[in-house]
Amino acid sequence: MTHSTSVARAFAAVPQAVQVDCVELNRIPGLAIEACQRLDLPELERLAARVEAIASRHPTSPRVLALVRRVGHVVRFQQRKAGRMLSGSGLEGL
């Protein structure tokens, strides 16, 4: 058993883990929009990594996978938008 498999199994044993992660996933789009408005690319990368971590914990949950797909699109869109805003302003090196 690999480390990631053991972590996934251990987390799956936590009661209501899917519900907790769904609540967190529902908060991420708002956080991504705020980070984009601040042009905070590291925060957007952290949010994208968080979405991926949640997806890896629940590979068989249709509810989580649907939220991951939707939230992942929002985060990637906000990353592209912030990148365009930074490149247009000449601030990308800061």
Protein backbone atom coordinates (compact mmCIF):
# COMPACT_ATOMS: atom_id res chain seq x y z
CA MET A 1 0.00 0.00 0.00
CA THR A 2 1.40 3.38 -0.99
CA HIS A 3 1.45 6.37 1.32
CA SER A 4 -1.25 8.18 -0.67
CA THR A 5 -3.49 5.10 -0.55
CA SER A 6 -3.10 4.79 3.20
CA VAL A 7 -3.84 8.50 3.67
CA ALA A 8 -6.94 8.24 1.49
CA ARG A 9 -8.18 5.21 3.42
CA ALA A 10 -7.50 6.84 6.78
CA PHE A 11 -9.31 10.00 5.74
CA ALA A 12 -12.22 8.00 4.31
CA ALA A 13 -12.72 6.56 7.78
CA VAL A 14 -13.45 10.04 9.15
CA PRO A 15 -17.20 10.48 9.52
CA GLN A 16 -18.70 13.12 7.23
CA ALA A 17 -15.37 13.69 5.43
CA VAL A 18 -17.16 14.19 2.12
CA GLN A 19 -19.51 16.75 3.65
CA VAL A 20 -16.62 18.68 5.22
CA ASP A 21 -14.69 18.75 1.95
CA CYS A 22 -17.79 19.81 0.00
CA VAL A 23 -18.25 22.76 2.36
CA GLU A 24 -14.61 23.72 1.82
CA LEU A 25 -14.94 23.35 -1.96
CA ASN A 26 -17.99 25.64 -1.92
CA ARG A 27 -15.92 28.37 -0.21
CA ILE A 28 -13.01 28.24 -2.66
CA PRO A 29 -14.58 30.12 -5.63
CA GLY A 30 -15.13 33.22 -3.49
CA LEU A 31 -11.59 33.00 -2.15
CA ALA A 32 -10.26 32.64 -5.70
CA ILE A 33 -12.15 35.72 -6.87
CA GLU A 34 -10.79 37.74 -3.93
CA ALA A 35 -7.24 36.51 -4.63
CA CYS A 36 -7.62 37.45 -8.30
CA GLN A 37 -8.76 40.94 -7.36
CA ARG A 38 -5.61 41.28 -5.22
CA LEU A 39 -3.52 39.74 -8.06
CA ASP A 40 -2.32 37.14 -5.55
CA LEU A 41 -1.02 34.36 -7.81
CA PRO A 42 0.58 32.34 -4.96
CA GLU A 43 -2.80 32.20 -3.19
CA LEU A 44 -4.48 31.06 -6.40
CA GLU A 45 -1.86 28.32 -6.77
CA ARG A 46 -2.47 27.27 -3.16
CA LEU A 47 -6.22 27.07 -3.80
CA ALA A 48 -5.65 24.98 -6.95
CA ALA A 49 -3.44 22.60 -4.96
CA ARG A 50 -6.12 22.37 -2.27
CA VAL A 51 -8.75 21.41 -4.86
CA GLU A 52 -6.44 18.69 -6.19
CA ALA A 53 -5.77 17.37 -2.68
CA ILE A 54 -9.49 17.09 -1.98
CA ALA A 55 -10.06 15.35 -5.32
CA SER A 56 -7.37 12.79 -4.53
CA ARG A 57 -9.01 11.95 -1.19
CA HIS A 58 -12.40 11.18 -2.74
CA PRO A 59 -11.76 9.58 -6.15
CA THR A 60 -15.07 7.69 -6.13
CA SER A 61 -17.46 10.32 -4.79
CA PRO A 62 -19.58 11.78 -7.61
CA ARG A 63 -20.60 14.71 -5.43
CA VAL A 64 -17.01 15.69 -4.67
CA LEU A 65 -15.84 15.12 -8.25
CA ALA A 66 -18.59 17.37 -9.62
CA LEU A 67 -17.63 20.12 -7.18
CA VAL A 68 -13.94 19.64 -7.95
CA ARG A 69 -14.65 20.03 -11.65
CA ARG A 70 -16.68 23.22 -11.14
CA VAL A 71 -14.36 24.78 -8.57
CA GLY A 72 -11.27 23.80 -10.54
CA HIS A 73 -12.62 25.67 -13.57
CA VAL A 74 -13.25 28.77 -11.46
CA VAL A 75 -9.76 28.70 -9.92
CA ARG A 76 -8.04 28.17 -13.29
CA PHE A 77 -10.10 30.98 -14.83
CA GLN A 78 -9.14 33.34 -12.01
CA GLN A 79 -5.47 32.33 -12.39
CA ARG A 80 -5.56 33.13 -16.11
CA LYS A 81 -7.40 36.39 -15.45
CA ALA A 82 -4.89 37.52 -12.81
CA GLY A 83 -2.03 36.54 -15.12
CA ARG A 84 -3.49 38.63 -17.94
CA MET A 85 -4.02 41.57 -15.60
CA LEU A 86 -0.42 41.34 -14.37
CA SER A 87 1.04 41.01 -17.84
CA GLY A 88 -1.02 43.98 -19.05
CA SER A 89 0.12 46.16 -16.16
CA GLY A 90 3.81 45.29 -16.36
CA LEU A 91 3.80 44.03 -12.76
CA GLU A 92 4.54 40.35 -13.46
CA GLY A 93 8.12 40.64 -12.16
CA LEU A 94 7.06 41.95 -8.75
